[in-house]
C-alpha atoms as a PDB file:
ATOM      1  CA  UNK A   1     -22.424 -29.236   8.652  1.00  0.00           C
ATOM      2  CA  UNK A   2     -19.117 -27.906  10.011  1.00  0.00           C
ATOM      3  CA  UNK A   3     -17.645 -24.446  10.152  1.00  0.00           C
ATOM      4  CA  UNK A   4     -14.546 -23.893   8.074  1.00  0.00           C
ATOM      5  CA  UNK A   5     -11.817 -21.763   9.522  1.00  0.00           C
ATOM      6  CA  UNK A   6     -11.471 -18.612   7.456  1.00  0.00           C
ATOM      7  CA  UNK A   7      -8.152 -16.896   6.908  1.00  0.00           C
ATOM      8  CA  UNK A   8      -7.600 -13.266   6.089  1.00  0.00           C
ATOM      9  CA  UNK A   9      -5.930 -13.084   2.673  1.00  0.00           C
ATOM     10  CA  UNK A  10      -3.093 -11.010   4.128  1.00  0.00           C
ATOM     11  CA  UNK A  11      -2.446 -13.694   6.756  1.00  0.00           C
ATOM     12  CA  UNK A  12      -2.386 -16.343   4.047  1.00  0.00           C
ATOM     13  CA  UNK A  13       0.067 -14.349   1.943  1.00  0.00           C
ATOM     14  CA  UNK A  14       2.352 -13.824   4.950  1.00  0.00           C
ATOM     15  CA  UNK A  15       2.231 -17.541   5.723  1.00  0.00           C
ATOM     16  CA  UNK A  16       2.995 -18.535   2.140  1.00  0.00           C
ATOM     17  CA  UNK A  17       5.829 -16.027   2.006  1.00  0.00           C
ATOM     18  CA  UNK A  18       7.361 -17.493   5.173  1.00  0.00           C
ATOM     19  CA  UNK A  19       7.164 -21.012   3.784  1.00  0.00           C
ATOM     20  CA  UNK A  20       8.712 -19.923   0.484  1.00  0.00           C
ATOM     21  CA  UNK A  21      11.558 -18.097   2.235  1.00  0.00           C
ATOM     22  CA  UNK A  22      12.300 -21.164   4.360  1.00  0.00           C
ATOM     23  CA  UNK A  23      12.374 -23.403   1.306  1.00  0.00           C
ATOM     24  CA  UNK A  24      14.649 -20.982  -0.596  1.00  0.00           C
ATOM     25  CA  UNK A  25      12.264 -20.297  -3.439  1.00  0.00           C
ATOM     26  CA  UNK A  26      12.469 -17.549  -6.017  1.00  0.00           C
ATOM     27  CA  UNK A  27      11.023 -16.658  -9.377  1.00  0.00           C
ATOM     28  CA  UNK A  28      12.451 -15.588 -12.723  1.00  0.00           C
ATOM     29  CA  UNK A  29      10.997 -12.870 -14.895  1.00  0.00           C
ATOM     30  CA  UNK A  30      12.086 -10.751 -17.810  1.00  0.00           C
ATOM     31  CA  UNK A  31      13.004  -7.205 -16.831  1.00  0.00           C
ATOM     32  CA  UNK A  32      13.604  -3.954 -18.678  1.00  0.00           C
ATOM     33  CA  UNK A  33      16.865  -2.028 -18.584  1.00  0.00           C
ATOM     34  CA  UNK A  34      15.143   0.670 -16.506  1.00  0.00           C
ATOM     35  CA  UNK A  35      14.043  -1.945 -13.939  1.00  0.00           C
ATOM     36  CA  UNK A  36      17.596  -3.283 -13.804  1.00  0.00           C
ATOM     37  CA  UNK A  37      18.978   0.169 -13.042  1.00  0.00           C
ATOM     38  CA  UNK A  38      16.512   0.415 -10.125  1.00  0.00           C
ATOM     39  CA  UNK A  39      17.296  -3.108  -8.866  1.00  0.00           C
ATOM     40  CA  UNK A  40      21.049  -2.969  -9.397  1.00  0.00           C
ATOM     41  CA  UNK A  41      22.208   0.658  -9.118  1.00  0.00           C
ATOM     42  CA  UNK A  42      25.826  -0.480  -9.394  1.00  0.00           C
ATOM     43  CA  UNK A  43      25.226  -2.137 -12.789  1.00  0.00           C
ATOM     44  CA  UNK A  44      27.163  -0.729 -15.733  1.00  0.00           C
ATOM     45  CA  UNK A  45      25.252   1.005 -18.527  1.00  0.00           C
ATOM     46  CA  UNK A  46      23.256  -1.560 -20.522  1.00  0.00           C
ATOM     47  CA  UNK A  47      21.994  -1.154 -24.112  1.00  0.00           C
ATOM     48  CA  UNK A  48      18.202  -0.588 -24.212  1.00  0.00           C
ATOM     49  CA  UNK A  49      17.635  -3.565 -26.549  1.00  0.00           C
ATOM     50  CA  UNK A  50      19.395  -6.057 -24.246  1.00  0.00           C
ATOM     51  CA  UNK A  51      17.245  -9.008 -23.140  1.00  0.00           C
ATOM     52  CA  UNK A  52      17.519  -9.375 -19.369  1.00  0.00           C
ATOM     53  CA  UNK A  53      16.122 -11.809 -16.809  1.00  0.00           C
ATOM     54  CA  UNK A  54      16.123 -11.381 -13.041  1.00  0.00           C
ATOM     55  CA  UNK A  55      16.032 -13.988 -10.305  1.00  0.00           C
ATOM     56  CA  UNK A  56      13.906 -12.471  -7.528  1.00  0.00           C
ATOM     57  CA  UNK A  57      13.127 -13.695  -4.042  1.00  0.00           C
ATOM     58  CA  UNK A  58       9.520 -14.075  -2.918  1.00  0.00           C
ATOM     59  CA  UNK A  59       9.502 -10.476  -1.719  1.00  0.00           C
ATOM     60  CA  UNK A  60      10.626  -9.251  -5.139  1.00  0.00           C
ATOM     61  CA  UNK A  61      14.177  -8.471  -4.069  1.00  0.00           C
ATOM     62  CA  UNK A  62      16.789  -9.118  -6.777  1.00  0.00           C
ATOM     63  CA  UNK A  63      19.166 -12.017  -6.350  1.00  0.00           C
ATOM     64  CA  UNK A  64      20.800 -12.277  -9.764  1.00  0.00           C
ATOM     65  CA  UNK A  65      20.645 -10.900 -13.295  1.00  0.00           C
ATOM     66  CA  UNK A  66      21.164 -12.906 -16.479  1.00  0.00           C
ATOM     67  CA  UNK A  67      20.955 -12.561 -20.237  1.00  0.00           C
ATOM     68  CA  UNK A  68      18.488 -15.425 -20.628  1.00  0.00           C
ATOM     69  CA  UNK A  69      15.780 -17.199 -18.673  1.00  0.00           C
ATOM     70  CA  UNK A  70      17.746 -20.440 -18.665  1.00  0.00           C
ATOM     71  CA  UNK A  71      20.854 -18.709 -17.295  1.00  0.00           C
ATOM     72  CA  UNK A  72      18.807 -17.165 -14.461  1.00  0.00           C
ATOM     73  CA  UNK A  73      17.348 -20.588 -13.609  1.00  0.00           C
ATOM     74  CA  UNK A  74      20.812 -22.148 -13.722  1.00  0.00           C
ATOM     75  CA  UNK A  75      22.021 -19.509 -11.262  1.00  0.00           C
ATOM     76  CA  UNK A  76      19.170 -20.481  -8.937  1.00  0.00           C
ATOM     77  CA  UNK A  77      20.053 -24.174  -9.196  1.00  0.00           C
ATOM     78  CA  UNK A  78      23.702 -23.465  -8.399  1.00  0.00           C
ATOM     79  CA  UNK A  79      22.629 -21.745  -5.192  1.00  0.00           C
ATOM     80  CA  UNK A  80      20.080 -24.428  -4.201  1.00  0.00           C
ATOM     81  CA  UNK A  81      17.143 -22.125  -4.881  1.00  0.00           C
ATOM     82  CA  UNK A  82      13.951 -23.615  -6.304  1.00  0.00           C
ATOM     83  CA  UNK A  83      12.271 -21.514  -8.981  1.00  0.00           C
ATOM     84  CA  UNK A  84       8.492 -21.261  -8.976  1.00  0.00           C
ATOM     85  CA  UNK A  85       5.943 -19.885 -11.421  1.00  0.00           C
ATOM     86  CA  UNK A  86       4.172 -16.686 -10.554  1.00  0.00           C
ATOM     87  CA  UNK A  87       0.918 -15.878 -12.317  1.00  0.00           C
END
């Protein structure tokens, strides 16, 4: 039998984050108007019922804001950013 090398979960997360940053990866998720105001303080006033999607880097920092999921993904493609699923 052999010993498997064990990694601390925090070390693994840091390593994955580094890889994802190098590969220019981001994720898309639907956001509320309140979240948008926190992410983009310079944003104009937005109606509460507006559907909004954010493109976020692997650290959760906002990159772009769009009115649909497909528009957010298109923005990523235009900037050579690969979108990944986050569960």
